[in-house]
Amino acid sequence: MEADQMVNLLRRIRHDYGNDLQVIMGYIDLGKPEQAREYIHSIVEQHLRERLLFESMPAEAALYFYQQALLCGDLGVILRYKNWQMDSHAVFEQKQEPYQSLKRLAEEAAWRLDEDPCIYASITAKDGKGQVVFSGHVLGREVLVQIEE
């Protein structure tokens, strides 16, 4: 990841962090401490999932897939990595996956955003070929995407 990409990623993280603090403060100001507590718990759970990602992949791959999850958030979904097994993440980075596939699914209206917005991705790659299997209630089915260089 280049320095300018890293700076943009850090800006995004800081922006999201500020938004989270504003939501918590809003709940407190409205006298809703239980909602604030629930929101904080959801943030802690998210951070635990992110920690698992960063601890189980090489640094460059972890940063890449973290950035992809943030981009997918802009599509209105929460991308959660279910499992991964890969010899390299290069094919995903080259094709900007899994974001591009989720973007296509969004354009096809392949999900119902009134439902739980979580989409789970199982990622595998070997010898320059990869695949992502998307699942989740919002999709209503599994979606297999083959990725090749």
Foldseek 3Di string as FASTA:
>chain_A
DDPVVVVVVVVLVVVVVVVLVVVLVVCVVVVNNVVSVVSVVVVVVVVVQLVCLCVPDPNVVSVLVVVLQSLVVVLVAGEGEPEEEEPDCVQCVVVVPPNVVVVVCSVVVQFDNVDHRYKYWYWYYDPQKIKIWIDDPRNVDIDIDITGD
